[in-house]
Amino acid sequence: MEHILRPIYQERAGDPNTLGAILVEKVDELSPTTDNFDSVLLLLVKEAELPIFTKHYTYNNRITAMHIITEAQLRKWLLLATNKKLVDWLYNGRVVFDRNEFVSTLRKELKDNPYYGRSIKMGIEFSKLLRRYQEGRVSFEQKNFFDAYHHMSESLLHLARLSIIEEGNYPELMVWNQVRYFNAEVYRLNEEFIMSSESIEQRLELVFLATEFMLNSKMEECSVHILRVMEEQTNWSIQQLHEQEELKNYSINLEVFIEYLVDKGYIDIERLETKTPNVYHRYYVVHG
């Protein structure tokens, strides 16, 4: 296969902007890692007009996806742990071109610094867990048990990813296989939630209690990043928080997280008068 694709990446290798090329080949008939393509060719470049550019090729009844990724986009994904396949490609793919050992150095960085970006990854994953937990609670209270079950299944997945990140590892596609070794407690909780003979209502009550306990126990460590950013200035409007470059990564879960930290006493509210009597602007301040 490589000899067919070689002209494609060799042409790119002649460009000094190209940093490396990695070839990933499908092993099983169903291959989520390669999106069921027979192979994936990952090209890493210093700069490009688009941070992500994809092409598909076909030959001899086989298909290949080529992804051209800028270094900035690559490092963002690694920092936030938002592209699970990428980590697999970097670790397990075959390096077919490596300018000045860029890929080799990157692999070494990931191995030598497993806690890279840990605080922001934990904060983002915690905010996703929190939202799903709250959505599950609402569905449960409305007696929409199937919806609650769905939300809490997602909550447990975020909890699993969070437990992997805590250990300085990257969540992979087969998350539960990882969690089995990193956090047996979370693994057993999920196993019991899925396989228990108790009613769905009883299973939900159990997982609510366990998740609430874990939210409380992990809250302080998971809020380190967002509070550190907020300490950079005296107070924040919600719009300023949304526009802050690092906090943009929390996306739609930012306000849920902020209100949770207000409720827990980590963030204080500062009221500023508006032109309308008895109506105030709401600003957020890290509790001093």
Protein backbone atom coordinates (compact mmCIF):
# COMPACT_ATOMS: atom_id res chain seq x y z
CA MET A 1 0.00 0.00 0.00
CA GLU A 2 2.77 2.39 0.91
CA HIS A 3 4.38 2.19 -2.53
CA ILE A 4 1.13 3.44 -4.08
CA LEU A 5 0.83 6.35 -1.67
CA ARG A 6 4.54 7.17 -1.68
CA PRO A 7 4.36 9.63 -4.62
CA ILE A 8 1.65 11.58 -2.76
CA TYR A 9 3.62 12.18 0.42
CA GLN A 10 6.99 12.43 -1.32
CA GLU A 11 5.67 15.32 -3.38
CA ARG A 12 4.65 17.04 -0.15
CA ALA A 13 7.92 16.12 1.54
CA GLY A 14 9.74 18.33 -0.96
CA ASP A 15 7.96 21.33 0.51
CA PRO A 16 9.91 22.74 3.52
CA ASN A 17 6.54 23.54 5.10
CA THR A 18 5.87 19.81 5.55
CA LEU A 19 6.96 18.54 8.97
CA GLY A 20 6.06 14.88 8.81
CA ALA A 21 3.89 12.14 7.35
CA ILE A 22 2.30 9.20 9.18
CA LEU A 23 0.59 6.22 7.57
CA VAL A 24 -2.11 4.35 9.47
CA GLU A 25 -3.49 1.13 7.99
CA LYS A 26 -6.76 -0.60 8.78
CA VAL A 27 -6.33 -3.81 10.77
CA ASP A 28 -9.91 -5.01 11.26
CA GLU A 29 -12.84 -5.05 8.87
CA LEU A 30 -14.57 -2.43 11.01
CA SER A 31 -12.01 0.24 11.89
CA PRO A 32 -13.22 3.35 13.78
CA THR A 33 -9.59 4.45 14.07
CA THR A 34 -9.38 4.95 10.29
CA ASP A 35 -13.07 5.79 9.80
CA ASN A 36 -13.26 2.44 7.95
CA PHE A 37 -10.84 3.63 5.27
CA ASP A 38 -8.19 1.12 4.26
CA SER A 39 -5.57 3.65 5.29
CA VAL A 40 -5.11 7.19 6.57
CA LEU A 41 -2.25 9.42 5.53
CA LEU A 42 -1.63 12.17 8.07
CA LEU A 43 0.49 15.07 6.82
CA LEU A 44 1.72 17.58 9.39
CA VAL A 45 2.59 21.04 8.12
CA LYS A 46 3.98 24.20 9.71
CA GLU A 47 1.36 26.52 8.26
CA ALA A 48 -1.53 26.38 5.81
CA GLU A 49 -4.45 28.48 4.64
CA LEU A 50 -6.80 25.95 6.27
CA PRO A 51 -5.93 24.30 9.62
CA ILE A 52 -7.49 21.03 8.40
CA PHE A 53 -7.64 19.89 4.78
CA THR A 54 -8.87 16.45 3.69
CA LYS A 55 -8.74 14.50 0.43
CA HIS A 56 -10.00 11.01 -0.40
CA TYR A 57 -8.31 8.66 -2.87
CA THR A 58 -9.35 5.33 -4.36
CA TYR A 59 -7.20 2.65 -6.03
CA ASN A 60 -7.58 -1.11 -6.63
CA ASN A 61 -10.93 -1.10 -4.78
CA ARG A 62 -9.24 0.45 -1.74
CA ILE A 63 -9.80 3.89 -0.23
CA THR A 64 -7.46 6.28 1.58
CA ALA A 65 -8.10 9.49 3.48
CA MET A 66 -5.39 12.14 3.54
CA HIS A 67 -5.54 14.76 6.28
CA ILE A 68 -3.26 17.79 6.17
CA ILE A 69 -3.06 19.33 9.65
CA THR A 70 -1.21 22.46 10.76
CA GLU A 71 1.10 22.30 13.76
CA ALA A 72 -1.13 24.80 15.61
CA GLN A 73 -4.23 22.66 15.09
CA LEU A 74 -2.33 19.52 16.06
CA ARG A 75 -1.14 21.04 19.34
CA LYS A 76 -4.61 22.38 20.12
CA TRP A 77 -6.09 18.91 19.75
CA LEU A 78 -3.37 17.45 21.95
CA LEU A 79 -3.83 20.18 24.56
CA LEU A 80 -7.60 19.69 24.76
CA ALA A 81 -7.73 15.94 24.08
CA THR A 82 -10.60 16.52 21.66
CA ASN A 83 -9.42 14.28 18.83
CA LYS A 84 -9.07 10.72 20.10
CA LYS A 85 -8.05 9.25 16.75
CA LEU A 86 -5.13 11.67 16.43
CA VAL A 87 -3.40 10.31 19.51
CA ASP A 88 -3.72 6.78 18.15
CA TRP A 89 -2.29 7.88 14.79
CA LEU A 90 0.66 9.62 16.43
CA TYR A 91 1.53 6.73 18.71
CA ASN A 92 0.78 3.75 16.49
CA GLY A 93 1.03 5.03 12.91
CA ARG A 94 4.08 4.36 10.77
CA VAL A 95 6.24 7.45 10.25
CA VAL A 96 7.06 7.60 6.53
CA PHE A 97 8.58 11.10 6.56
CA ASP A 98 10.02 13.07 9.44
CA ARG A 99 11.68 16.43 8.81
CA ASN A 100 14.33 17.16 11.42
CA GLU A 101 12.76 14.46 13.64
CA PHE A 102 9.63 16.55 14.23
CA VAL A 103 7.36 13.53 14.74
CA SER A 104 9.94 11.66 16.84
CA THR A 105 10.39 14.71 19.07
CA LEU A 106 6.63 15.15 19.41
CA ARG A 107 6.18 11.52 20.44
CA LYS A 108 8.93 11.95 23.03
CA GLU A 109 7.28 15.13 24.36
CA LEU A 110 4.00 13.29 24.83
CA LYS A 111 5.73 10.42 26.57
CA ASP A 112 7.95 12.58 28.80
CA ASN A 113 5.25 15.10 29.68
CA PRO A 114 2.03 13.09 30.20
CA TYR A 115 0.41 15.91 32.20
CA TYR A 116 0.65 18.40 29.32
CA GLY A 117 -2.51 20.53 29.38
CA ARG A 118 -3.95 18.42 32.19
CA SER A 119 -5.72 21.27 34.05
CA ILE A 120 -7.61 22.61 31.02
CA LYS A 121 -8.50 19.10 29.81
CA MET A 122 -9.84 18.26 33.26
CA GLY A 123 -11.86 21.48 33.41
CA ILE A 124 -13.44 20.94 30.00
CA GLU A 125 -14.28 17.30 30.71
CA PHE A 126 -15.70 18.23 34.12
CA SER A 127 -17.96 20.87 32.54
CA LYS A 128 -19.31 18.26 30.08
CA LEU A 129 -19.90 15.82 32.93
CA LEU A 130 -21.69 18.50 34.93
CA ARG A 131 -24.05 19.40 32.09
CA ARG A 132 -24.98 15.78 31.40
CA TYR A 133 -25.53 15.12 35.11
CA GLN A 134 -27.87 18.10 35.40
CA GLU A 135 -29.77 17.10 32.25
CA GLY A 136 -30.12 13.60 33.65
CA ARG A 137 -31.45 14.96 36.94
CA VAL A 138 -34.11 17.04 35.20
CA SER A 139 -35.23 14.10 33.05
CA PHE A 140 -35.40 11.86 36.13
CA GLU A 141 -37.48 14.34 38.10
CA GLN A 142 -39.86 14.55 35.14
CA LYS A 143 -40.00 10.73 35.16
CA ASN A 144 -38.49 10.54 31.68
CA PHE A 145 -36.36 7.58 32.73
CA PHE A 146 -35.10 6.57 29.30
CA ASP A 147 -33.85 10.11 28.64
CA ALA A 148 -32.30 10.17 32.10
CA TYR A 149 -30.59 6.85 31.38
CA HIS A 150 -29.14 8.26 28.16
CA HIS A 151 -27.81 11.38 29.90
CA MET A 152 -26.27 9.40 32.73
CA SER A 153 -24.62 6.98 30.30
CA GLU A 154 -22.97 10.02 28.73
CA SER A 155 -22.09 11.33 32.22
CA LEU A 156 -20.30 8.10 33.01
CA LEU A 157 -18.37 8.34 29.74
CA HIS A 158 -17.19 11.84 30.67
CA LEU A 159 -16.33 10.58 34.14
CA ALA A 160 -14.31 7.80 32.56
CA ARG A 161 -12.45 10.23 30.31
CA LEU A 162 -11.82 12.51 33.28
CA SER A 163 -10.32 9.67 35.31
CA ILE A 164 -7.94 8.86 32.42
CA ILE A 165 -6.88 12.52 32.08
CA GLU A 166 -6.27 12.66 35.85
CA GLU A 167 -3.65 9.94 35.40
CA GLY A 168 -1.87 11.96 32.71
CA ASN A 169 -3.12 9.85 29.80
CA TYR A 170 -5.08 10.59 26.65
CA PRO A 171 -8.58 9.07 26.37
CA GLU A 172 -8.59 6.66 23.44
CA LEU A 173 -11.43 5.36 21.28
CA MET A 174 -11.85 2.31 23.54
CA VAL A 175 -12.29 4.38 26.70
CA TRP A 176 -13.79 1.69 28.91
CA ASN A 177 -10.96 -0.67 28.14
CA GLN A 178 -8.58 2.04 29.42
CA VAL A 179 -10.67 2.82 32.50
CA ARG A 180 -10.66 -0.82 33.50
CA TYR A 181 -6.98 -0.39 34.38
CA PHE A 182 -6.89 3.28 35.45
CA ASN A 183 -9.99 3.52 37.61
CA ALA A 184 -11.68 0.27 38.61
CA GLU A 185 -14.27 2.16 40.68
CA VAL A 186 -15.63 4.07 37.69
CA TYR A 187 -15.49 0.92 35.57
CA ARG A 188 -17.55 -1.06 38.11
CA LEU A 189 -20.04 1.80 38.45
CA ASN A 190 -20.67 1.73 34.71
CA GLU A 191 -20.84 -2.06 34.68
CA GLU A 192 -23.43 -2.07 37.45
CA PHE A 193 -25.42 0.71 35.77
CA ILE A 194 -25.66 -1.28 32.54
CA MET A 195 -25.94 -4.86 33.80
CA SER A 196 -27.76 -4.61 37.13
CA SER A 197 -31.05 -6.52 37.47
CA GLU A 198 -32.56 -3.62 39.42
CA SER A 199 -35.14 -1.33 37.84
CA ILE A 200 -33.96 1.56 35.67
CA GLU A 201 -35.19 3.97 38.36
CA GLN A 202 -33.08 2.27 41.04
CA ARG A 203 -30.02 2.18 38.80
CA LEU A 204 -30.40 5.87 38.07
CA GLU A 205 -30.67 6.72 41.76
CA LEU A 206 -27.44 4.84 42.41
CA VAL A 207 -25.51 6.53 39.62
CA PHE A 208 -26.83 9.97 40.62
CA LEU A 209 -25.45 9.51 44.13
CA ALA A 210 -22.09 8.25 42.89
CA THR A 211 -21.76 11.00 40.26
CA GLU A 212 -22.69 13.75 42.70
CA PHE A 213 -20.06 12.46 45.13
CA MET A 214 -17.42 12.44 42.39
CA LEU A 215 -18.40 15.92 41.19
CA ASN A 216 -17.86 17.25 44.70
CA SER A 217 -14.58 15.40 45.21
CA LYS A 218 -13.10 16.45 41.84
CA MET A 219 -14.48 20.00 41.72
CA GLU A 220 -11.50 21.76 43.30
CA GLU A 221 -8.90 20.20 41.02
CA CYS A 222 -11.07 20.54 37.92
CA SER A 223 -11.70 24.25 38.53
CA VAL A 224 -7.99 25.16 38.76
CA HIS A 225 -7.75 26.26 35.13
CA ILE A 226 -10.88 28.39 34.92
CA LEU A 227 -10.16 30.12 38.26
CA ARG A 228 -6.54 30.78 37.28
CA VAL A 229 -7.71 32.47 34.08
CA MET A 230 -10.31 34.52 35.96
CA GLU A 231 -7.69 35.78 38.40
CA GLU A 232 -6.06 37.67 35.52
CA GLN A 233 -8.50 40.55 36.00
CA THR A 234 -10.69 41.93 38.79
CA ASN A 235 -14.12 41.00 37.47
CA TRP A 236 -15.73 39.56 34.36
CA SER A 237 -18.98 39.95 32.49
CA ILE A 238 -20.28 36.71 31.01
CA GLN A 239 -19.50 38.04 27.53
CA GLN A 240 -15.88 38.69 28.49
CA LEU A 241 -15.63 35.15 29.79
CA HIS A 242 -16.98 33.75 26.52
CA GLU A 243 -14.50 35.83 24.53
CA GLN A 244 -11.44 34.90 26.60
CA GLU A 245 -9.27 32.76 24.31
CA GLU A 246 -8.71 29.80 26.65
CA LEU A 247 -12.25 29.78 28.03
CA LYS A 248 -13.71 29.57 24.53
CA ASN A 249 -12.76 25.90 24.69
CA TYR A 250 -15.48 25.28 27.28
CA SER A 251 -18.00 26.21 24.60
CA ILE A 252 -21.68 25.80 25.61
CA ASN A 253 -20.74 24.36 29.00
CA LEU A 254 -19.00 27.50 30.27
CA GLU A 255 -22.05 29.10 31.89
CA VAL A 256 -23.12 25.85 33.54
CA PHE A 257 -19.64 25.56 35.06
CA ILE A 258 -19.56 29.22 36.16
CA GLU A 259 -22.94 28.95 37.92
CA TYR A 260 -21.88 25.72 39.59
CA LEU A 261 -18.76 27.44 40.98
CA VAL A 262 -20.92 30.36 42.14
CA ASP A 263 -23.17 27.91 43.97
CA LYS A 264 -20.16 26.23 45.57
CA GLY A 265 -18.65 29.54 46.72
CA TYR A 266 -15.60 29.57 44.44
CA ILE A 267 -16.88 32.57 42.46
CA ASP A 268 -18.62 35.64 43.89
CA ILE A 269 -21.17 37.88 42.24
CA GLU A 270 -20.55 41.61 41.91
CA ARG A 271 -23.56 43.76 41.08
CA LEU A 272 -23.13 46.99 39.13
CA GLU A 273 -25.97 49.45 38.68
CA THR A 274 -27.70 49.91 35.34
CA LYS A 275 -29.83 52.81 34.20
CA THR A 276 -32.92 50.83 35.21
CA PRO A 277 -33.80 50.99 38.92
CA ASN A 278 -33.30 47.71 40.82
CA VAL A 279 -31.70 46.04 37.80
CA TYR A 280 -27.99 45.26 38.01
CA HIS A 281 -25.25 44.00 35.77
CA ARG A 282 -23.92 40.68 37.01
CA TYR A 283 -20.13 40.36 37.14
CA TYR A 284 -18.09 37.38 38.28
CA VAL A 285 -15.15 37.54 40.71
CA VAL A 286 -12.95 34.76 42.02
CA HIS A 287 -13.67 34.34 45.72
CA GLY A 288 -10.84 35.96 47.68
